[in-house]
């Protein structure tokens, strides 16, 4: 994937499984993933992606999902050069 045209196409994918070009294109983006609990055994999948937590919360609410059941993190570069 040379360039990501619509970041919402990444919803449902595991962040660890994104190819290098996609990871580089998404550096700095905020993602929301469902919280893992022994009761739900949630897979680590992107549920929302945007430039801020507020944008992710809006996307989750659009889909009828509870933002309080999600964790938010910023995507870092896939590796650090030494």
PDB file of N, CA and C in Angstrom:
ATOM      1  N   UNK A   1       0.858  -1.165   0.000  1.00  0.00           N
ATOM      2  CA  UNK A   1       0.000   0.000   0.000  1.00  0.00           C
ATOM      3  C   UNK A   1       0.905   1.228   0.000  1.00  0.00           C
ATOM      4  N   UNK A   2       1.070   1.862  -1.120  1.00  0.00           N
ATOM      5  CA  UNK A   2       1.991   2.987  -1.245  1.00  0.00           C
ATOM      6  C   UNK A   2       1.501   4.201  -0.469  1.00  0.00           C
ATOM      7  N   UNK A   3       0.242   4.508  -0.557  1.00  0.00           N
ATOM      8  CA  UNK A   3      -0.310   5.655   0.156  1.00  0.00           C
ATOM      9  C   UNK A   3      -1.696   5.289   0.665  1.00  0.00           C
ATOM     10  N   UNK A   4      -1.990   5.752   1.855  1.00  0.00           N
ATOM     11  CA  UNK A   4      -3.297   5.485   2.433  1.00  0.00           C
ATOM     12  C   UNK A   4      -4.203   6.649   2.055  1.00  0.00           C
ATOM     13  N   UNK A   5      -5.240   6.374   1.281  1.00  0.00           N
ATOM     14  CA  UNK A   5      -6.159   7.427   0.847  1.00  0.00           C
ATOM     15  C   UNK A   5      -7.260   7.667   1.874  1.00  0.00           C
ATOM     16  N   UNK A   6      -7.754   6.615   2.483  1.00  0.00           N
ATOM     17  CA  UNK A   6      -8.799   6.741   3.501  1.00  0.00           C
ATOM     18  C   UNK A   6      -8.396   5.869   4.685  1.00  0.00           C
ATOM     19  N   UNK A   7      -8.006   6.518   5.760  1.00  0.00           N
ATOM     20  CA  UNK A   7      -7.529   5.786   6.926  1.00  0.00           C
ATOM     21  C   UNK A   7      -8.603   4.889   7.528  1.00  0.00           C
ATOM     22  N   UNK A   8      -9.869   5.203   7.302  1.00  0.00           N
ATOM     23  CA  UNK A   8     -10.945   4.366   7.856  1.00  0.00           C
ATOM     24  C   UNK A   8     -10.945   2.964   7.242  1.00  0.00           C
ATOM     25  N   UNK A   9     -10.276   2.790   6.112  1.00  0.00           N
ATOM     26  CA  UNK A   9     -10.161   1.459   5.526  1.00  0.00           C
ATOM     27  C   UNK A   9      -9.311   0.530   6.388  1.00  0.00           C
ATOM     28  N   UNK A  10      -8.610   1.098   7.366  1.00  0.00           N
ATOM     29  CA  UNK A  10      -7.767   0.290   8.244  1.00  0.00           C
ATOM     30  C   UNK A  10      -8.552  -0.289   9.424  1.00  0.00           C
ATOM     31  N   UNK A  11      -9.793   0.147   9.603  1.00  0.00           N
ATOM     32  CA  UNK A  11     -10.626  -0.373  10.688  1.00  0.00           C
ATOM     33  C   UNK A  11     -10.814  -1.873  10.490  1.00  0.00           C
ATOM     34  N   UNK A  12     -10.597  -2.608  11.573  1.00  0.00           N
ATOM     35  CA  UNK A  12     -10.718  -4.058  11.528  1.00  0.00           C
ATOM     36  C   UNK A  12      -9.391  -4.766  11.360  1.00  0.00           C
ATOM     37  N   UNK A  13      -8.348  -4.012  11.054  1.00  0.00           N
ATOM     38  CA  UNK A  13      -7.031  -4.632  10.867  1.00  0.00           C
ATOM     39  C   UNK A  13      -6.218  -4.533  12.145  1.00  0.00           C
ATOM     40  N   UNK A  14      -5.331  -5.486  12.347  1.00  0.00           N
ATOM     41  CA  UNK A  14      -4.444  -5.470  13.509  1.00  0.00           C
ATOM     42  C   UNK A  14      -3.280  -4.516  13.237  1.00  0.00           C
ATOM     43  N   UNK A  15      -2.989  -3.598  14.152  1.00  0.00           N
ATOM     44  CA  UNK A  15      -1.897  -2.654  13.914  1.00  0.00           C
ATOM     45  C   UNK A  15      -0.559  -3.340  13.674  1.00  0.00           C
ATOM     46  N   UNK A  16      -0.327  -4.463  14.327  1.00  0.00           N
ATOM     47  CA  UNK A  16       0.936  -5.187  14.172  1.00  0.00           C
ATOM     48  C   UNK A  16       1.071  -5.854  12.812  1.00  0.00           C
ATOM     49  N   UNK A  17      -0.013  -5.943  12.076  1.00  0.00           N
ATOM     50  CA  UNK A  17       0.008  -6.626  10.778  1.00  0.00           C
ATOM     51  C   UNK A  17       0.010  -5.656   9.597  1.00  0.00           C
ATOM     52  N   UNK A  18       0.091  -4.343   9.866  1.00  0.00           N
ATOM     53  CA  UNK A  18       0.133  -3.371   8.773  1.00  0.00           C
ATOM     54  C   UNK A  18       1.494  -3.434   8.089  1.00  0.00           C
ATOM     55  N   UNK A  19       1.507  -3.280   6.761  1.00  0.00           N
ATOM     56  CA  UNK A  19       2.788  -3.312   6.060  1.00  0.00           C
ATOM     57  C   UNK A  19       3.577  -2.039   6.357  1.00  0.00           C
ATOM     58  N   UNK A  20       4.839  -2.040   6.016  1.00  0.00           N
ATOM     59  CA  UNK A  20       5.748  -0.959   6.357  1.00  0.00           C
ATOM     60  C   UNK A  20       5.282   0.386   5.796  1.00  0.00           C
ATOM     61  N   UNK A  21       4.853   0.420   4.553  1.00  0.00           N
ATOM     62  CA  UNK A  21       4.406   1.680   3.936  1.00  0.00           C
ATOM     63  C   UNK A  21       3.187   2.237   4.662  1.00  0.00           C
ATOM     64  N   UNK A  22       2.278   1.366   5.066  1.00  0.00           N
ATOM     65  CA  UNK A  22       1.085   1.806   5.780  1.00  0.00           C
ATOM     66  C   UNK A  22       1.454   2.318   7.158  1.00  0.00           C
ATOM     67  N   UNK A  23       2.345   1.615   7.854  1.00  0.00           N
ATOM     68  CA  UNK A  23       2.793   2.069   9.174  1.00  0.00           C
ATOM     69  C   UNK A  23       3.439   3.438   9.073  1.00  0.00           C
ATOM     70  N   UNK A  24       4.255   3.648   8.061  1.00  0.00           N
ATOM     71  CA  UNK A  24       4.909   4.948   7.899  1.00  0.00           C
ATOM     72  C   UNK A  24       3.886   6.041   7.590  1.00  0.00           C
ATOM     73  N   UNK A  25       2.846   5.708   6.844  1.00  0.00           N
ATOM     74  CA  UNK A  25       1.804   6.690   6.493  1.00  0.00           C
ATOM     75  C   UNK A  25       0.910   7.031   7.685  1.00  0.00           C
ATOM     76  N   UNK A  26       0.867   6.173   8.684  1.00  0.00           N
ATOM     77  CA  UNK A  26      -0.025   6.388   9.820  1.00  0.00           C
ATOM     78  C   UNK A  26       0.689   6.871  11.077  1.00  0.00           C
ATOM     79  N   UNK A  27       1.985   7.134  10.993  1.00  0.00           N
ATOM     80  CA  UNK A  27       2.727   7.616  12.159  1.00  0.00           C
ATOM     81  C   UNK A  27       2.074   8.892  12.677  1.00  0.00           C
ATOM     82  N   UNK A  28       1.806   8.919  13.966  1.00  0.00           N
ATOM     83  CA  UNK A  28       1.186  10.074  14.598  1.00  0.00           C
ATOM     84  C   UNK A  28      -0.324   9.995  14.698  1.00  0.00           C
ATOM     85  N   UNK A  29      -0.940   9.068  13.974  1.00  0.00           N
ATOM     86  CA  UNK A  29      -2.390   8.900  14.057  1.00  0.00           C
ATOM     87  C   UNK A  29      -2.745   8.250  15.396  1.00  0.00           C
ATOM     88  N   UNK A  30      -3.942   8.526  15.867  1.00  0.00           N
ATOM     89  CA  UNK A  30      -4.451   7.920  17.088  1.00  0.00           C
ATOM     90  C   UNK A  30      -5.383   6.791  16.682  1.00  0.00           C
ATOM     91  N   UNK A  31      -5.255   5.640  17.350  1.00  0.00           N
ATOM     92  CA  UNK A  31      -6.145   4.517  17.090  1.00  0.00           C
ATOM     93  C   UNK A  31      -6.899   4.157  18.366  1.00  0.00           C
ATOM     94  N   UNK A  32      -8.060   3.577  18.181  1.00  0.00           N
ATOM     95  CA  UNK A  32      -8.851   3.042  19.289  1.00  0.00           C
ATOM     96  C   UNK A  32      -8.967   1.544  19.084  1.00  0.00           C
ATOM     97  N   UNK A  33      -8.723   0.796  20.161  1.00  0.00           N
ATOM     98  CA  UNK A  33      -8.883  -0.654  20.141  1.00  0.00           C
ATOM     99  C   UNK A  33      -9.710  -1.046  21.353  1.00  0.00           C
ATOM    100  N   UNK A  34     -10.546  -2.060  21.182  1.00  0.00           N
ATOM    101  CA  UNK A  34     -11.380  -2.525  22.289  1.00  0.00           C
ATOM    102  C   UNK A  34     -10.493  -3.031  23.411  1.00  0.00           C
ATOM    103  N   UNK A  35     -10.862  -2.677  24.638  1.00  0.00           N
ATOM    104  CA  UNK A  35     -10.119  -3.151  25.795  1.00  0.00           C
ATOM    105  C   UNK A  35     -10.232  -4.667  25.911  1.00  0.00           C
ATOM    106  N   UNK A  36      -9.135  -5.299  26.181  1.00  0.00           N
ATOM    107  CA  UNK A  36      -9.104  -6.747  26.392  1.00  0.00           C
ATOM    108  C   UNK A  36      -9.474  -7.024  27.840  1.00  0.00           C
ATOM    109  N   UNK A  37     -10.418  -7.903  28.029  1.00  0.00           N
ATOM    110  CA  UNK A  37     -10.749  -8.381  29.366  1.00  0.00           C
ATOM    111  C   UNK A  37     -10.934  -9.898  29.276  1.00  0.00           C
ATOM    112  N   UNK A  38     -10.755 -10.587  30.377  1.00  0.00           N
ATOM    113  CA  UNK A  38     -10.990 -12.038  30.332  1.00  0.00           C
ATOM    114  C   UNK A  38     -12.414 -12.379  29.907  1.00  0.00           C
ATOM    115  N   UNK A  39     -13.341 -11.447  30.094  1.00  0.00           N
ATOM    116  CA  UNK A  39     -14.731 -11.697  29.731  1.00  0.00           C
ATOM    117  C   UNK A  39     -15.017 -11.573  28.252  1.00  0.00           C
ATOM    118  N   UNK A  40     -14.225 -10.744  27.529  1.00  0.00           N
ATOM    119  CA  UNK A  40     -14.543 -10.576  26.110  1.00  0.00           C
ATOM    120  C   UNK A  40     -13.455 -11.078  25.164  1.00  0.00           C
ATOM    121  N   UNK A  41     -12.247 -11.291  25.663  1.00  0.00           N
ATOM    122  CA  UNK A  41     -11.129 -11.798  24.855  1.00  0.00           C
ATOM    123  C   UNK A  41     -11.006 -11.037  23.526  1.00  0.00           C
ATOM    124  N   UNK A  42     -11.078  -9.696  23.600  1.00  0.00           N
ATOM    125  CA  UNK A  42     -11.046  -8.851  22.407  1.00  0.00           C
ATOM    126  C   UNK A  42      -9.739  -9.021  21.636  1.00  0.00           C
ATOM    127  N   UNK A  43      -9.875  -9.119  20.326  1.00  0.00           N
ATOM    128  CA  UNK A  43      -8.702  -9.135  19.459  1.00  0.00           C
ATOM    129  C   UNK A  43      -8.173  -7.716  19.335  1.00  0.00           C
ATOM    130  N   UNK A  44      -6.888  -7.567  19.136  1.00  0.00           N
ATOM    131  CA  UNK A  44      -6.294  -6.239  18.985  1.00  0.00           C
ATOM    132  C   UNK A  44      -6.499  -5.766  17.556  1.00  0.00           C
ATOM    133  N   UNK A  45      -7.623  -5.140  17.313  1.00  0.00           N
ATOM    134  CA  UNK A  45      -7.995  -4.632  16.000  1.00  0.00           C
ATOM    135  C   UNK A  45      -8.290  -3.150  16.087  1.00  0.00           C
ATOM    136  N   UNK A  46      -7.963  -2.422  15.045  1.00  0.00           N
ATOM    137  CA  UNK A  46      -8.260  -1.000  14.993  1.00  0.00           C
ATOM    138  C   UNK A  46      -9.775  -0.835  14.849  1.00  0.00           C
ATOM    139  N   UNK A  47     -10.380  -0.110  15.783  1.00  0.00           N
ATOM    140  CA  UNK A  47     -11.816   0.157  15.738  1.00  0.00           C
ATOM    141  C   UNK A  47     -12.094   1.569  15.236  1.00  0.00           C
ATOM    142  N   UNK A  48     -11.106   2.468  15.374  1.00  0.00           N
ATOM    143  CA  UNK A  48     -11.224   3.841  14.875  1.00  0.00           C
ATOM    144  C   UNK A  48      -9.814   4.384  14.699  1.00  0.00           C
ATOM    145  N   UNK A  49      -9.649   5.315  13.763  1.00  0.00           N
ATOM    146  CA  UNK A  49      -8.340   5.933  13.528  1.00  0.00           C
ATOM    147  C   UNK A  49      -8.567   7.381  13.115  1.00  0.00           C
ATOM    148  N   UNK A  50      -7.746   8.269  13.676  1.00  0.00           N
ATOM    149  CA  UNK A  50      -7.874   9.680  13.347  1.00  0.00           C
ATOM    150  C   UNK A  50      -6.708  10.487  13.877  1.00  0.00           C
ATOM    151  N   UNK A  51      -6.851  11.791  13.791  1.00  0.00           N
ATOM    152  CA  UNK A  51      -5.784  12.687  14.242  1.00  0.00           C
ATOM    153  C   UNK A  51      -5.856  12.993  15.731  1.00  0.00           C
ATOM    154  N   UNK A  52      -6.960  12.641  16.383  1.00  0.00           N
ATOM    155  CA  UNK A  52      -7.118  12.925  17.807  1.00  0.00           C
ATOM    156  C   UNK A  52      -8.010  11.871  18.452  1.00  0.00           C
ATOM    157  N   UNK A  53      -7.965  11.852  19.776  1.00  0.00           N
ATOM    158  CA  UNK A  53      -8.845  10.955  20.525  1.00  0.00           C
ATOM    159  C   UNK A  53     -10.296  11.338  20.262  1.00  0.00           C
ATOM    160  N   UNK A  54     -10.571  12.645  20.189  1.00  0.00           N
ATOM    161  CA  UNK A  54     -11.931  13.110  19.957  1.00  0.00           C
ATOM    162  C   UNK A  54     -12.472  12.596  18.620  1.00  0.00           C
ATOM    163  N   UNK A  55     -11.631  12.593  17.607  1.00  0.00           N
ATOM    164  CA  UNK A  55     -12.049  12.075  16.294  1.00  0.00           C
ATOM    165  C   UNK A  55     -12.365  10.589  16.379  1.00  0.00           C
ATOM    166  N   UNK A  56     -11.546   9.846  17.114  1.00  0.00           N
ATOM    167  CA  UNK A  56     -11.793   8.409  17.283  1.00  0.00           C
ATOM    168  C   UNK A  56     -13.087   8.168  18.056  1.00  0.00           C
ATOM    169  N   UNK A  57     -13.311   8.970  19.099  1.00  0.00           N
ATOM    170  CA  UNK A  57     -14.541   8.829  19.883  1.00  0.00           C
ATOM    171  C   UNK A  57     -15.755   9.057  18.996  1.00  0.00           C
ATOM    172  N   UNK A  58     -15.703  10.068  18.145  1.00  0.00           N
ATOM    173  CA  UNK A  58     -16.822  10.345  17.233  1.00  0.00           C
ATOM    174  C   UNK A  58     -17.058   9.163  16.296  1.00  0.00           C
ATOM    175  N   UNK A  59     -15.985   8.573  15.769  1.00  0.00           N
ATOM    176  CA  UNK A  59     -16.126   7.419  14.876  1.00  0.00           C
ATOM    177  C   UNK A  59     -16.746   6.234  15.617  1.00  0.00           C
ATOM    178  N   UNK A  60     -16.304   6.001  16.852  1.00  0.00           N
ATOM    179  CA  UNK A  60     -16.857   4.896  17.635  1.00  0.00           C
ATOM    180  C   UNK A  60     -18.350   5.104  17.875  1.00  0.00           C
ATOM    181  N   UNK A  61     -18.717   6.318  18.242  1.00  0.00           N
ATOM    182  CA  UNK A  61     -20.138   6.610  18.503  1.00  0.00           C
ATOM    183  C   UNK A  61     -20.976   6.465  17.243  1.00  0.00           C
ATOM    184  N   UNK A  62     -20.422   6.856  16.084  1.00  0.00           N
ATOM    185  CA  UNK A  62     -21.139   6.679  14.810  1.00  0.00           C
ATOM    186  C   UNK A  62     -21.489   5.211  14.580  1.00  0.00           C
ATOM    187  N   UNK A  63     -20.611   4.325  15.029  1.00  0.00           N
ATOM    188  CA  UNK A  63     -20.815   2.888  14.849  1.00  0.00           C
ATOM    189  C   UNK A  63     -21.572   2.256  16.008  1.00  0.00           C
ATOM    190  N   UNK A  64     -22.009   3.068  16.973  1.00  0.00           N
ATOM    191  CA  UNK A  64     -22.756   2.548  18.114  1.00  0.00           C
ATOM    192  C   UNK A  64     -21.891   1.860  19.148  1.00  0.00           C
ATOM    193  N   UNK A  65     -20.596   2.156  19.166  1.00  0.00           N
ATOM    194  CA  UNK A  65     -19.671   1.546  20.122  1.00  0.00           C
ATOM    195  C   UNK A  65     -19.422   2.499  21.289  1.00  0.00           C
ATOM    196  N   UNK A  66     -19.165   1.940  22.466  1.00  0.00           N
ATOM    197  CA  UNK A  66     -18.921   2.727  23.667  1.00  0.00           C
ATOM    198  C   UNK A  66     -17.434   3.078  23.755  1.00  0.00           C
ATOM    199  N   UNK A  67     -17.080   4.363  23.690  1.00  0.00           N
ATOM    200  CA  UNK A  67     -15.676   4.762  23.783  1.00  0.00           C
ATOM    201  C   UNK A  67     -15.016   4.347  25.095  1.00  0.00           C
ATOM    202  N   UNK A  68     -15.806   4.190  26.161  1.00  0.00           N
ATOM    203  CA  UNK A  68     -15.232   3.794  27.444  1.00  0.00           C
ATOM    204  C   UNK A  68     -14.751   2.347  27.451  1.00  0.00           C
ATOM    205  N   UNK A  69     -15.122   1.582  26.445  1.00  0.00           N
ATOM    206  CA  UNK A  69     -14.670   0.193  26.331  1.00  0.00           C
ATOM    207  C   UNK A  69     -13.479   0.068  25.390  1.00  0.00           C
ATOM    208  N   UNK A  70     -12.823   1.195  25.105  1.00  0.00           N
ATOM    209  CA  UNK A  70     -11.700   1.203  24.164  1.00  0.00           C
ATOM    210  C   UNK A  70     -10.496   1.906  24.758  1.00  0.00           C
ATOM    211  N   UNK A  71      -9.326   1.491  24.309  1.00  0.00           N
ATOM    212  CA  UNK A  71      -8.094   2.186  24.672  1.00  0.00           C
ATOM    213  C   UNK A  71      -7.609   2.951  23.447  1.00  0.00           C
ATOM    214  N   UNK A  72      -6.936   4.049  23.693  1.00  0.00           N
ATOM    215  CA  UNK A  72      -6.467   4.924  22.629  1.00  0.00           C
ATOM    216  C   UNK A  72      -4.948   5.020  22.700  1.00  0.00           C
ATOM    217  N   UNK A  73      -4.309   4.941  21.549  1.00  0.00           N
ATOM    218  CA  UNK A  73      -2.850   5.088  21.513  1.00  0.00           C
ATOM    219  C   UNK A  73      -2.427   5.727  20.200  1.00  0.00           C
ATOM    220  N   UNK A  74      -1.281   6.378  20.254  1.00  0.00           N
ATOM    221  CA  UNK A  74      -0.726   7.031  19.075  1.00  0.00           C
ATOM    222  C   UNK A  74       0.222   6.045  18.395  1.00  0.00           C
ATOM    223  N   UNK A  75       0.129   5.956  17.067  1.00  0.00           N
ATOM    224  CA  UNK A  75       0.997   5.044  16.325  1.00  0.00           C
ATOM    225  C   UNK A  75       2.375   5.658  16.164  1.00  0.00           C
ATOM    226  N   UNK A  76       3.374   4.922  16.569  1.00  0.00           N
ATOM    227  CA  UNK A  76       4.764   5.342  16.476  1.00  0.00           C
ATOM    228  C   UNK A  76       5.381   4.800  15.180  1.00  0.00           C
ATOM    229  N   UNK A  77       6.553   5.301  14.823  1.00  0.00           N
ATOM    230  CA  UNK A  77       7.233   4.716  13.660  1.00  0.00           C
ATOM    231  C   UNK A  77       7.443   3.228  13.870  1.00  0.00           C
ATOM    232  N   UNK A  78       7.465   2.437  12.795  1.00  0.00           N
ATOM    233  CA  UNK A  78       7.577   0.982  12.931  1.00  0.00           C
ATOM    234  C   UNK A  78       8.884   0.545  13.584  1.00  0.00           C
ATOM    235  N   UNK A  79       9.916   1.358  13.489  1.00  0.00           N
ATOM    236  CA  UNK A  79      11.180   1.059  14.161  1.00  0.00           C
ATOM    237  C   UNK A  79      11.963   2.351  14.268  1.00  0.00           C
ATOM    238  N   UNK A  80      12.902   2.370  15.153  1.00  0.00           N
ATOM    239  CA  UNK A  80      13.729   3.549  15.329  1.00  0.00           C
ATOM    240  C   UNK A  80      15.098   3.307  14.704  1.00  0.00           C
ATOM    241  N   UNK A  81      15.569   4.235  13.924  1.00  0.00           N
ATOM    242  CA  UNK A  81      16.904   4.122  13.328  1.00  0.00           C
ATOM    243  C   UNK A  81      17.948   4.417  14.405  1.00  0.00           C
ATOM    244  N   UNK A  82      19.032   3.726  14.328  1.00  0.00           N
ATOM    245  CA  UNK A  82      20.110   3.955  15.314  1.00  0.00           C
ATOM    246  C   UNK A  82      21.233   4.717  14.674  1.00  0.00           C
TER     247      UNK A  82
END
